[in-house]
C-alpha atoms as a PDB file:
ATOM      1  CA  MET A   1     -20.409   4.089  -5.257  1.00  0.00           C
ATOM      2  CA  LEU A   2     -16.424   5.343  -5.875  1.00  0.00           C
ATOM      3  CA  ASN A   3     -14.314   3.840  -9.045  1.00  0.00           C
ATOM      4  CA  SER A   4     -12.334   1.174  -7.577  1.00  0.00           C
ATOM      5  CA  ARG A   5      -9.504  -1.138  -9.120  1.00  0.00           C
ATOM      6  CA  THR A   6      -8.169  -4.295  -8.000  1.00  0.00           C
ATOM      7  CA  PHE A   7      -4.736  -5.692  -8.647  1.00  0.00           C
ATOM      8  CA  GLY A   8      -3.994  -9.411  -8.251  1.00  0.00           C
ATOM      9  CA  ILE A   9       0.019  -9.813  -7.893  1.00  0.00           C
ATOM     10  CA  PRO A  10       1.491 -13.003  -7.761  1.00  0.00           C
ATOM     11  CA  ILE A  11       4.873 -13.111  -5.501  1.00  0.00           C
ATOM     12  CA  ALA A  12       7.340 -16.010  -5.494  1.00  0.00           C
ATOM     13  CA  ARG A  13       7.635 -15.794  -1.400  1.00  0.00           C
ATOM     14  CA  SER A  14       5.956 -17.247   1.333  1.00  0.00           C
ATOM     15  CA  ALA A  15       2.860 -15.440   2.422  1.00  0.00           C
ATOM     16  CA  ASP A  16       4.162 -14.995   6.193  1.00  0.00           C
ATOM     17  CA  GLU A  17       7.241 -13.619   4.713  1.00  0.00           C
ATOM     18  CA  VAL A  18       5.703 -11.142   2.408  1.00  0.00           C
ATOM     19  CA  PHE A  19       3.002 -10.494   5.467  1.00  0.00           C
ATOM     20  CA  GLU A  20       6.324  -9.699   7.914  1.00  0.00           C
ATOM     21  CA  PHE A  21       7.714  -7.293   5.388  1.00  0.00           C
ATOM     22  CA  LEU A  22       4.183  -5.459   4.431  1.00  0.00           C
ATOM     23  CA  ILE A  23       2.812  -5.397   8.272  1.00  0.00           C
ATOM     24  CA  GLU A  24       6.188  -2.752   9.115  1.00  0.00           C
ATOM     25  CA  PRO A  25       5.000   0.754   8.094  1.00  0.00           C
ATOM     26  CA  LYS A  26       8.687   1.651   7.687  1.00  0.00           C
ATOM     27  CA  ASN A  27       9.245  -0.860   4.854  1.00  0.00           C
ATOM     28  CA  PHE A  28       6.317   1.067   3.032  1.00  0.00           C
ATOM     29  CA  ALA A  29       8.718   3.771   1.778  1.00  0.00           C
ATOM     30  CA  LYS A  30      11.045   0.956   0.022  1.00  0.00           C
ATOM     31  CA  TRP A  31       8.448   0.033  -2.508  1.00  0.00           C
ATOM     32  CA  ALA A  32       5.399   2.802  -2.559  1.00  0.00           C
ATOM     33  CA  PHE A  33       5.402   6.323  -3.448  1.00  0.00           C
ATOM     34  CA  VAL A  34       8.565   5.802  -5.732  1.00  0.00           C
ATOM     35  CA  GLY A  35      11.512   8.400  -5.509  1.00  0.00           C
ATOM     36  CA  ASP A  36      12.659   9.701  -2.034  1.00  0.00           C
ATOM     37  CA  THR A  37      10.177   9.312   0.372  1.00  0.00           C
ATOM     38  CA  GLN A  38      10.120  10.446   3.734  1.00  0.00           C
ATOM     39  CA  MET A  39       7.844   8.945   7.082  1.00  0.00           C
ATOM     40  CA  ARG A  40       7.520  10.023  10.145  1.00  0.00           C
ATOM     41  CA  HIS A  41       5.645   8.086  13.024  1.00  0.00           C
ATOM     42  CA  LEU A  42       2.567  10.173  14.426  1.00  0.00           C
ATOM     43  CA  GLY A  43       1.946   7.519  17.158  1.00  0.00           C
ATOM     44  CA  GLY A  44      -0.361   4.370  16.986  1.00  0.00           C
ATOM     45  CA  ARG A  45      -0.944   3.220  13.547  1.00  0.00           C
ATOM     46  CA  ASP A  46      -0.141   6.491  11.875  1.00  0.00           C
ATOM     47  CA  TRP A  47       2.447   7.702   9.846  1.00  0.00           C
ATOM     48  CA  GLN A  48       2.866  10.893   8.017  1.00  0.00           C
ATOM     49  CA  VAL A  49       4.528  10.625   4.234  1.00  0.00           C
ATOM     50  CA  GLU A  50       5.974  13.464   2.125  1.00  0.00           C
ATOM     51  CA  THR A  51       5.346  12.177  -1.603  1.00  0.00           C
ATOM     52  CA  SER A  52       5.612  13.924  -4.953  1.00  0.00           C
ATOM     53  CA  VAL A  53       2.047  14.564  -4.583  1.00  0.00           C
ATOM     54  CA  GLY A  54       2.151  16.295  -1.281  1.00  0.00           C
ATOM     55  CA  THR A  55       1.754  15.127   2.480  1.00  0.00           C
ATOM     56  CA  ARG A  56      -0.252  12.183   3.016  1.00  0.00           C
ATOM     57  CA  ILE A  57      -0.853  10.620   6.590  1.00  0.00           C
ATOM     58  CA  LEU A  58      -1.415   6.889   6.295  1.00  0.00           C
ATOM     59  CA  ARG A  59      -3.255   4.530   9.067  1.00  0.00           C
ATOM     60  CA  PHE A  60      -1.889   0.731   9.179  1.00  0.00           C
ATOM     61  CA  ALA A  61      -3.892  -1.940   9.961  1.00  0.00           C
ATOM     62  CA  GLU A  62      -2.758  -3.611  13.459  1.00  0.00           C
ATOM     63  CA  ARG A  63      -0.959  -7.059  13.198  1.00  0.00           C
ATOM     64  CA  ASN A  64      -3.498 -10.067  12.609  1.00  0.00           C
ATOM     65  CA  ALA A  65      -3.581 -13.619  11.610  1.00  0.00           C
ATOM     66  CA  PHE A  66      -5.512 -13.342   8.546  1.00  0.00           C
ATOM     67  CA  GLY A  67      -3.344 -11.551   6.291  1.00  0.00           C
ATOM     68  CA  ILE A  68      -5.009  -8.285   6.239  1.00  0.00           C
ATOM     69  CA  LEU A  69      -2.655  -5.324   5.457  1.00  0.00           C
ATOM     70  CA  ASP A  70      -5.608  -2.305   4.960  1.00  0.00           C
ATOM     71  CA  HIS A  71      -4.636   0.950   5.670  1.00  0.00           C
ATOM     72  CA  PHE A  72      -5.986   4.311   5.183  1.00  0.00           C
ATOM     73  CA  SER A  73      -4.946   7.377   3.643  1.00  0.00           C
ATOM     74  CA  LEU A  74      -5.764  10.888   4.735  1.00  0.00           C
ATOM     75  CA  LEU A  75      -4.720  14.715   3.452  1.00  0.00           C
ATOM     76  CA  THR A  76      -5.133  16.198   6.836  1.00  0.00           C
ATOM     77  CA  PRO A  77      -5.372  14.871  10.574  1.00  0.00           C
ATOM     78  CA  ASP A  78      -9.092  15.616  10.185  1.00  0.00           C
ATOM     79  CA  ASP A  79      -9.864  14.103   6.679  1.00  0.00           C
ATOM     80  CA  VAL A  80     -11.995  11.353   6.427  1.00  0.00           C
ATOM     81  CA  PRO A  81     -10.032   8.337   5.982  1.00  0.00           C
ATOM     82  CA  HIS A  82      -9.731   7.127   2.786  1.00  0.00           C
ATOM     83  CA  PRO A  83      -9.449   3.090   2.512  1.00  0.00           C
ATOM     84  CA  ILE A  84      -6.999   0.779   0.481  1.00  0.00           C
ATOM     85  CA  ALA A  85      -7.822  -2.741   0.846  1.00  0.00           C
ATOM     86  CA  MET A  86      -4.769  -5.134   0.904  1.00  0.00           C
ATOM     87  CA  ARG A  87      -4.702  -8.948   1.346  1.00  0.00           C
ATOM     88  CA  VAL A  88      -1.482 -11.194   1.629  1.00  0.00           C
ATOM     89  CA  ILE A  89      -2.950 -14.877   0.418  1.00  0.00           C
ATOM     90  CA  ALA A  90      -1.220 -17.983   0.386  1.00  0.00           C
ATOM     91  CA  ASN A  91      -0.915 -19.725  -2.954  1.00  0.00           C
ATOM     92  CA  GLU A  92       1.257 -22.838  -1.969  1.00  0.00           C
ATOM     93  CA  GLY A  93       4.702 -21.806  -1.625  1.00  0.00           C
ATOM     94  CA  GLY A  94       3.772 -18.113  -2.602  1.00  0.00           C
ATOM     95  CA  THR A  95       1.894 -15.517  -2.097  1.00  0.00           C
ATOM     96  CA  GLU A  96      -1.370 -13.742  -3.795  1.00  0.00           C
ATOM     97  CA  LEU A  97      -1.257  -9.925  -3.187  1.00  0.00           C
ATOM     98  CA  ALA A  98      -4.863  -8.497  -3.555  1.00  0.00           C
ATOM     99  CA  TYR A  99      -4.763  -4.437  -3.075  1.00  0.00           C
ATOM    100  CA  THR A 100      -7.823  -2.427  -3.816  1.00  0.00           C
ATOM    101  CA  CYS A 101      -7.963   1.163  -3.995  1.00  0.00           C
ATOM    102  CA  PHE A 102     -10.753   3.574  -4.809  1.00  0.00           C
ATOM    103  CA  GLN A 103     -11.225   6.700  -6.380  1.00  0.00           C
ATOM    104  CA  ARG A 104     -11.060   9.901  -4.019  1.00  0.00           C
ATOM    105  CA  PRO A 105     -14.642  11.810  -4.653  1.00  0.00           C
ATOM    106  CA  SER A 106     -12.365  14.727  -4.909  1.00  0.00           C
ATOM    107  CA  MET A 107     -10.033  13.331  -7.738  1.00  0.00           C
ATOM    108  CA  THR A 108     -10.889  13.625 -11.759  1.00  0.00           C
ATOM    109  CA  ASP A 109     -10.649  10.951 -13.982  1.00  0.00           C
ATOM    110  CA  GLU A 110      -7.326  12.092 -15.077  1.00  0.00           C
ATOM    111  CA  GLN A 111      -5.702  12.069 -11.619  1.00  0.00           C
ATOM    112  CA  TRP A 112      -7.199   8.431 -11.030  1.00  0.00           C
ATOM    113  CA  SER A 113      -5.634   7.307 -14.424  1.00  0.00           C
ATOM    114  CA  SER A 114      -2.615   8.529 -13.217  1.00  0.00           C
ATOM    115  CA  MET A 115      -2.880   7.006  -9.944  1.00  0.00           C
ATOM    116  CA  ILE A 116      -3.294   3.876 -11.511  1.00  0.00           C
ATOM    117  CA  GLU A 117      -0.467   3.757 -13.247  1.00  0.00           C
ATOM    118  CA  TRP A 118       1.619   4.680 -10.347  1.00  0.00           C
ATOM    119  CA  ILE A 119       0.100   1.754  -8.296  1.00  0.00           C
ATOM    120  CA  THR A 120       1.011  -0.443 -11.025  1.00  0.00           C
ATOM    121  CA  VAL A 121       4.792   0.756 -10.657  1.00  0.00           C
ATOM    122  CA  ASP A 122       4.885   0.113  -7.069  1.00  0.00           C
ATOM    123  CA  LEU A 123       3.087  -3.045  -7.061  1.00  0.00           C
ATOM    124  CA  LEU A 124       5.648  -4.165  -9.411  1.00  0.00           C
ATOM    125  CA  ALA A 125       8.299  -2.813  -7.724  1.00  0.00           C
ATOM    126  CA  LEU A 126       7.488  -4.470  -4.459  1.00  0.00           C
ATOM    127  CA  LYS A 127       7.081  -8.009  -6.407  1.00  0.00           C
ATOM    128  CA  SER A 128      10.589  -7.336  -7.876  1.00  0.00           C
ATOM    129  CA  MET A 129      12.232  -6.548  -4.550  1.00  0.00           C
ATOM    130  CA  LEU A 130      10.823  -8.935  -2.697  1.00  0.00           C
ATOM    131  CA  GLU A 131      11.233 -11.660  -5.345  1.00  0.00           C
ATOM    132  CA  ALA A 132      14.852 -10.759  -5.508  1.00  0.00           C
ATOM    133  CA  GLY A 133      15.186 -10.869  -1.503  1.00  0.00           C
ATOM    134  CA  GLU A 134      16.502  -7.103  -1.449  1.00  0.00           C
ATOM    135  CA  GLU A 135      14.058  -6.049   1.080  1.00  0.00           C
END
């Protein structure tokens, strides 16, 4: 089994508002991959993302009624999709965002720790942005 980490982030915005923001792939660059991130639509649900750690292809979930925002990360178009589970869960008038990531088999423990730190920063940036209404 792969190492995994699940984050629970409370967001003081309705689940519908959070879901509508996050289901749009173009919004991903506003909160993930801190810094100047370029995204290019490849067709369907696939987007190419230029990041400080290199090119990634992200395959996003289709719109659904269940708050599921899973996406897959690929290093190359023919790579095995690497899952990232993401859920928007209503919590009274707010939202609990659940985000689970897995350590890639090729990733060292040091790289994994660094990735966890970056994800923490990204998710806190998302929370701050949505709660401030800056999206």
